[in-house]
Amino acid sequence: MKTGYLAIVNPAAGGGQCGQLAQAALDRVRREGVELEIVQTTRAGEAVELSREGYGQGWRNFLSVGGDGTSHEIVNGLFPLAETQGRPALGFLPLGTGNSFLRDFTTRGIQHTIESLKQGARRACDVIRLRHSEGEVYFLNLLSMGFPADVGELTNRRFKRLGELGYILGVLTRVAGLQHGSFPHRLDDASEWDRRPCLFLTFSNSKYTGGKMMIAPKADPTDGFIEYVRWGPIGRLGLLWNLPRLFTGTHIEHPRAFRAEVKHIELDLSAPVNVMVDGEILRLDCKSLEILPGALDIVA
């Protein structure tokens, strides 16, 4: 097996800021005596290929240089091989837009990662596997259906060039045309399907999404459980009034909210739906989710 870390750099992360800042951050890592080999992506999805190739070449230590989307691609390059051929380690130099996952471990960003790399600090972390009609997706952060995913899809399609303002416009547009979908599912060994309409469902491994939005405040990426959060139907004014609570985590105290710790979820969707997975918007016919306890070492 190779020693050191394979650093996968996404220069487009953070609106291009990663491309400007990555070399200085990697130089800091090297000055601490950490051996690196650096590769750079040139297109979306390439980090999947680079991490898969690296794993096949004997790399077991990886460094994600970018945002949540970069680490998401790396994880999907490592799995499912890593389930049977040796647990890898993943560190983060957070130079993207959201950098949500690492917030569960620290708010000190790059400095914390550099210290952890120097000390060899690692924690076993869970990974969630989604099975859908065309394959599998692995993720570290969360999968969401309903309002958050629909906002993300609309923002990407119509307002992405406007940045943060575009996201606000996406929220307001979806609030104006508010709909409550039904995503039939059942948790663990439940015999009955939950077919009730809801504002959203989330299946989380960590607390944060979108940077500082604490959509699953009781999630723990090391506890061997998926944090399930459901928010039932709510009116437009009630939604606008309660949106700030998504940033404090107090939305789960709302009478229409419900949370549970689960290990497996089955879904019975009639067609593909918008899903937000680690910040990426996909349209999938989801079949099931399950936790892979301690499947990945996190450098933190």
Protein backbone atom coordinates (compact mmCIF):
# COMPACT_ATOMS: atom_id res chain seq x y z
CA MET A 1 0.00 0.00 0.00
CA LYS A 2 1.11 3.55 -0.68
CA THR A 3 2.09 5.86 2.13
CA GLY A 4 1.02 9.47 2.48
CA TYR A 5 -2.15 11.01 1.05
CA LEU A 6 -3.63 11.31 -2.40
CA ALA A 7 -4.96 14.90 -2.49
CA ILE A 8 -7.79 15.41 -4.98
CA VAL A 9 -8.24 19.10 -5.78
CA ASN A 10 -11.41 20.55 -7.30
CA PRO A 11 -10.33 24.01 -8.52
CA ALA A 12 -13.93 24.95 -9.40
CA ALA A 13 -15.16 24.52 -5.79
CA GLY A 14 -16.29 27.62 -3.95
CA GLY A 15 -16.94 29.49 -7.17
CA GLY A 16 -13.30 29.06 -8.16
CA GLN A 17 -11.75 30.12 -4.85
CA CYS A 18 -10.39 26.60 -4.32
CA GLY A 19 -8.27 26.95 -7.44
CA GLN A 20 -6.75 30.13 -6.01
CA LEU A 21 -6.17 28.88 -2.45
CA ALA A 22 -5.43 25.17 -2.79
CA GLN A 23 -1.70 25.34 -3.44
CA ALA A 24 -1.00 27.47 -0.36
CA ALA A 25 -3.07 25.11 1.81
CA LEU A 26 -1.28 22.03 0.42
CA ASP A 27 2.09 23.69 0.97
CA ARG A 28 1.15 24.14 4.65
CA VAL A 29 0.32 20.43 4.86
CA ARG A 30 3.66 19.46 3.32
CA ARG A 31 5.56 21.74 5.72
CA GLU A 32 4.15 19.61 8.55
CA GLY A 33 5.85 16.57 7.06
CA VAL A 34 2.77 15.01 5.46
CA GLU A 35 3.60 13.23 2.18
CA LEU A 36 1.23 14.18 -0.64
CA GLU A 37 0.56 13.26 -4.22
CA ILE A 38 -1.71 15.85 -5.85
CA VAL A 39 -4.20 15.36 -8.69
CA GLN A 40 -6.67 17.92 -9.99
CA THR A 41 -10.14 17.59 -11.48
CA THR A 42 -11.06 19.24 -14.76
CA ARG A 43 -14.77 18.42 -14.89
CA ALA A 44 -17.72 17.38 -12.77
CA GLY A 45 -17.59 13.75 -11.65
CA GLU A 46 -13.86 13.32 -12.22
CA ALA A 47 -13.10 13.01 -8.50
CA VAL A 48 -15.09 9.75 -8.55
CA GLU A 49 -12.74 8.37 -11.18
CA LEU A 50 -9.56 9.69 -9.57
CA SER A 51 -10.36 8.27 -6.14
CA ARG A 52 -11.40 4.91 -7.59
CA GLU A 53 -8.21 4.71 -9.63
CA GLY A 54 -6.16 5.77 -6.62
CA TYR A 55 -7.75 3.11 -4.42
CA GLY A 56 -6.97 0.50 -7.07
CA GLN A 57 -3.35 1.70 -7.13
CA GLY A 58 -3.00 1.14 -3.39
CA TRP A 59 -3.88 4.51 -1.91
CA ARG A 60 -5.84 4.27 1.34
CA ASN A 61 -5.43 7.86 2.57
CA PHE A 62 -7.23 10.61 0.67
CA LEU A 63 -7.50 14.36 1.06
CA SER A 64 -10.52 16.21 -0.33
CA VAL A 65 -9.56 19.72 -1.40
CA GLY A 66 -12.79 21.52 -2.21
CA GLY A 67 -16.29 21.42 -0.75
CA ASP A 68 -18.98 18.91 0.14
CA GLY A 69 -19.44 18.04 -3.53
CA THR A 70 -15.78 17.09 -3.85
CA SER A 71 -15.81 14.78 -0.84
CA HIS A 72 -19.12 13.31 -2.04
CA GLU A 73 -17.50 12.33 -5.34
CA ILE A 74 -14.46 10.87 -3.57
CA VAL A 75 -16.65 8.73 -1.31
CA ASN A 76 -18.53 7.42 -4.35
CA GLY A 77 -15.21 6.50 -5.94
CA LEU A 78 -14.07 4.62 -2.83
CA PHE A 79 -17.29 2.67 -2.30
CA PRO A 80 -18.36 -0.07 -2.68
CA LEU A 81 -14.75 -1.31 -3.05
CA ALA A 82 -13.89 -0.07 0.44
CA GLU A 83 -16.55 -2.32 2.00
CA THR A 84 -14.51 -5.42 1.22
CA GLN A 85 -10.97 -4.32 0.33
CA GLY A 86 -9.89 -2.19 3.25
CA ARG A 87 -11.22 0.88 5.05
CA PRO A 88 -9.83 4.16 3.69
CA ALA A 89 -9.24 7.47 5.48
CA LEU A 90 -10.49 10.85 4.26
CA GLY A 91 -9.33 14.31 5.31
CA PHE A 92 -10.76 17.67 4.27
CA LEU A 93 -9.22 20.96 3.24
CA PRO A 94 -12.52 22.89 3.16
CA LEU A 95 -12.25 25.36 0.29
CA GLY A 96 -15.76 25.00 -1.14
CA THR A 97 -19.01 26.86 -0.66
CA GLY A 98 -20.79 24.87 2.06
CA ASN A 99 -18.18 22.65 3.78
CA SER A 100 -21.02 21.32 5.92
CA PHE A 101 -19.81 17.88 6.94
CA LEU A 102 -16.63 18.97 8.69
CA ARG A 103 -18.63 21.31 10.96
CA ASP A 104 -19.74 18.27 12.96
CA PHE A 105 -16.12 17.89 14.06
CA THR A 106 -14.73 21.44 14.09
CA THR A 107 -15.33 25.04 13.07
CA ARG A 108 -11.58 25.66 12.65
CA GLY A 109 -11.47 24.36 9.10
CA ILE A 110 -8.07 23.99 7.47
CA GLN A 111 -6.09 24.56 10.65
CA HIS A 112 -7.89 21.71 12.43
CA THR A 113 -7.30 19.37 9.48
CA ILE A 114 -3.59 20.22 9.33
CA GLU A 115 -3.20 19.53 13.05
CA SER A 116 -5.11 16.25 12.71
CA LEU A 117 -2.95 15.16 9.76
CA LYS A 118 0.20 15.96 11.73
CA GLN A 119 -1.02 14.02 14.78
CA GLY A 120 -2.53 11.14 12.81
CA ALA A 121 -5.91 11.76 14.48
CA ARG A 122 -8.72 9.67 13.03
CA ARG A 123 -12.31 8.76 13.89
CA ALA A 124 -14.38 5.93 12.47
CA CYS A 125 -17.33 7.48 10.63
CA ASP A 126 -20.54 6.03 9.25
CA VAL A 127 -21.50 6.13 5.58
CA ILE A 128 -25.06 5.91 4.22
CA ARG A 129 -25.87 3.88 1.11
CA LEU A 130 -28.82 4.75 -1.11
CA ARG A 131 -30.05 2.10 -3.50
CA HIS A 132 -32.06 3.41 -6.46
CA SER A 133 -33.43 1.92 -9.66
CA GLU A 134 -30.20 2.53 -11.58
CA GLY A 135 -27.55 1.79 -8.95
CA GLU A 136 -26.19 3.07 -5.65
CA VAL A 137 -25.11 6.39 -4.15
CA TYR A 138 -23.01 6.72 -0.99
CA PHE A 139 -23.04 9.84 1.16
CA LEU A 140 -21.65 11.35 4.36
CA ASN A 141 -24.00 14.25 5.00
CA LEU A 142 -27.68 13.92 4.10
CA LEU A 143 -30.30 13.06 1.56
CA SER A 144 -33.41 15.23 1.43
CA MET A 145 -36.72 14.92 -0.44
CA GLY A 146 -39.44 17.51 -0.79
CA PHE A 147 -39.04 21.25 -0.21
CA PRO A 148 -35.21 21.50 0.17
CA ALA A 149 -34.58 19.34 -2.90
CA ASP A 150 -37.17 21.19 -4.98
CA VAL A 151 -35.63 24.54 -3.98
CA GLY A 152 -32.20 23.25 -4.98
CA GLU A 153 -33.45 21.96 -8.34
CA LEU A 154 -35.17 25.26 -9.17
CA THR A 155 -32.19 27.33 -8.05
CA ASN A 156 -29.80 25.29 -10.20
CA ARG A 157 -32.10 25.52 -13.20
CA ARG A 158 -33.06 29.21 -13.06
CA PHE A 159 -31.08 31.23 -10.53
CA LYS A 160 -27.68 29.59 -9.97
CA ARG A 161 -25.72 32.43 -11.59
CA LEU A 162 -27.04 34.78 -8.87
CA GLY A 163 -25.30 32.93 -6.01
CA GLU A 164 -26.86 33.40 -2.56
CA LEU A 165 -29.53 35.71 -3.98
CA GLY A 166 -30.47 32.96 -6.40
CA TYR A 167 -31.05 30.53 -3.53
CA ILE A 168 -33.31 33.07 -1.78
CA LEU A 169 -35.29 33.49 -4.99
CA GLY A 170 -35.56 29.71 -5.23
CA VAL A 171 -36.95 29.52 -1.68
CA LEU A 172 -39.49 32.30 -2.27
CA THR A 173 -40.61 30.83 -5.59
CA ARG A 174 -41.18 27.40 -4.04
CA VAL A 175 -42.99 28.96 -1.07
CA ALA A 176 -45.32 30.82 -3.47
CA GLY A 177 -46.16 27.56 -5.24
CA LEU A 178 -45.98 25.42 -2.10
CA GLN A 179 -46.83 21.77 -2.53
CA HIS A 180 -46.70 18.85 -0.13
CA GLY A 181 -45.55 15.57 -1.63
CA SER A 182 -45.98 12.01 -0.49
CA PHE A 183 -42.89 9.81 -0.34
CA PRO A 184 -44.12 6.39 0.82
CA HIS A 185 -41.56 4.85 3.17
CA ARG A 186 -41.17 2.67 6.23
CA LEU A 187 -38.52 2.72 8.92
CA ASP A 188 -36.57 -0.34 10.06
CA ASP A 189 -39.03 -3.17 10.73
CA ALA A 190 -42.27 -1.17 10.51
CA SER A 191 -45.06 -3.14 8.88
CA GLU A 192 -47.01 -0.11 7.61
CA TRP A 193 -45.97 2.33 4.89
CA ASP A 194 -46.06 6.03 5.77
CA ARG A 195 -47.88 7.60 2.84
CA ARG A 196 -48.79 10.90 4.48
CA PRO A 197 -47.97 14.13 2.62
CA CYS A 198 -45.14 16.16 4.10
CA LEU A 199 -43.06 19.28 3.57
CA PHE A 200 -39.84 17.27 3.50
CA LEU A 201 -38.03 14.12 4.59
CA THR A 202 -34.34 14.06 5.44
CA PHE A 203 -32.05 11.11 6.12
CA SER A 204 -28.92 12.48 7.76
CA ASN A 205 -25.53 11.28 8.88
CA SER A 206 -24.40 14.69 10.14
CA LYS A 207 -26.00 17.80 11.58
CA TYR A 208 -25.38 20.50 8.99
CA THR A 209 -26.24 21.19 5.38
CA GLY A 210 -25.79 24.24 3.19
CA GLY A 211 -23.02 25.47 5.46
CA LYS A 212 -24.78 26.41 8.69
CA MET A 213 -28.30 24.98 8.32
CA MET A 214 -28.75 22.48 11.17
CA ILE A 215 -31.42 20.32 9.62
CA ALA A 216 -30.64 17.26 11.80
CA PRO A 217 -29.40 18.68 15.14
CA LYS A 218 -29.30 15.29 16.87
CA ALA A 219 -27.37 13.48 14.14
CA ASP A 220 -24.01 11.90 15.00
CA PRO A 221 -21.84 10.58 12.13
CA THR A 222 -20.21 8.05 14.47
CA ASP A 223 -23.24 6.48 16.20
CA GLY A 224 -24.28 3.82 13.66
CA PHE A 225 -27.69 5.39 12.96
CA ILE A 226 -29.41 7.42 10.25
CA GLU A 227 -31.09 10.51 11.69
CA TYR A 228 -34.59 10.66 10.18
CA VAL A 229 -36.48 13.97 10.21
CA ARG A 230 -39.98 14.47 8.81
CA TRP A 231 -41.87 17.76 8.73
CA GLY A 232 -45.56 17.46 7.98
CA PRO A 233 -47.71 19.86 5.91
CA ILE A 234 -47.49 23.54 6.84
CA GLY A 235 -48.92 26.70 5.29
CA ARG A 236 -46.92 29.37 3.48
CA LEU A 237 -46.88 31.88 6.32
CA GLY A 238 -46.05 29.17 8.85
CA LEU A 239 -43.18 27.98 6.67
CA LEU A 240 -41.72 31.47 6.27
CA TRP A 241 -42.05 32.08 10.01
CA ASN A 242 -40.28 28.83 10.85
CA LEU A 243 -37.51 28.85 8.21
CA PRO A 244 -35.01 30.52 10.59
CA ARG A 245 -35.45 27.57 12.96
CA LEU A 246 -33.71 25.35 10.39
CA PHE A 247 -30.50 27.24 11.25
CA THR A 248 -30.82 26.64 14.99
CA GLY A 249 -32.15 23.09 14.86
CA THR A 250 -35.26 24.04 16.84
CA HIS A 251 -37.52 23.11 13.92
CA ILE A 252 -37.60 19.55 15.26
CA GLU A 253 -39.56 20.89 18.26
CA HIS A 254 -42.36 22.02 15.96
CA PRO A 255 -45.58 20.00 16.44
CA ARG A 256 -45.50 18.92 12.80
CA ALA A 257 -41.92 17.62 13.03
CA PHE A 258 -40.80 14.10 13.94
CA ARG A 259 -37.35 12.54 14.28
CA ALA A 260 -36.04 9.03 14.88
CA GLU A 261 -32.78 7.08 14.85
CA VAL A 262 -32.99 4.27 12.29
CA LYS A 263 -30.72 1.85 10.46
CA HIS A 264 -32.74 1.06 7.34
CA ILE A 265 -35.46 2.76 5.28
CA GLU A 266 -37.49 1.31 2.43
CA LEU A 267 -39.17 3.57 -0.14
CA ASP A 268 -42.11 2.86 -2.44
CA LEU A 269 -42.05 5.79 -4.84
CA SER A 270 -44.22 5.76 -7.96
CA ALA A 271 -41.67 7.73 -10.02
CA PRO A 272 -38.28 9.44 -9.73
CA VAL A 273 -38.20 12.54 -7.49
CA ASN A 274 -35.78 15.39 -6.84
CA VAL A 275 -33.31 14.52 -4.09
CA MET A 276 -30.56 16.61 -2.58
CA VAL A 277 -27.56 14.44 -1.68
CA ASP A 278 -24.61 16.16 0.02
CA GLY A 279 -25.61 19.38 -1.75
CA GLU A 280 -25.96 17.76 -5.18
CA ILE A 281 -29.37 17.70 -6.87
CA LEU A 282 -30.31 14.41 -8.54
CA ARG A 283 -33.54 12.91 -9.83
CA LEU A 284 -33.80 9.31 -8.68
CA ASP A 285 -36.25 6.48 -8.13
CA CYS A 286 -35.09 5.72 -4.59
CA LYS A 287 -35.56 2.21 -3.20
CA SER A 288 -33.80 2.01 0.19
CA LEU A 289 -31.23 3.54 2.52
CA GLU A 290 -29.00 1.79 5.03
CA ILE A 291 -26.21 2.73 7.41
CA LEU A 292 -22.69 1.37 7.02
CA PRO A 293 -21.32 1.79 10.58
CA GLY A 294 -17.73 2.96 10.86
CA ALA A 295 -17.05 2.31 7.18
CA LEU A 296 -14.69 5.26 6.72
CA ASP A 297 -11.98 6.88 8.84
CA ILE A 298 -12.25 10.66 9.04
CA VAL A 299 -9.11 12.71 9.68
CA ALA A 300 -10.38 14.97 12.46
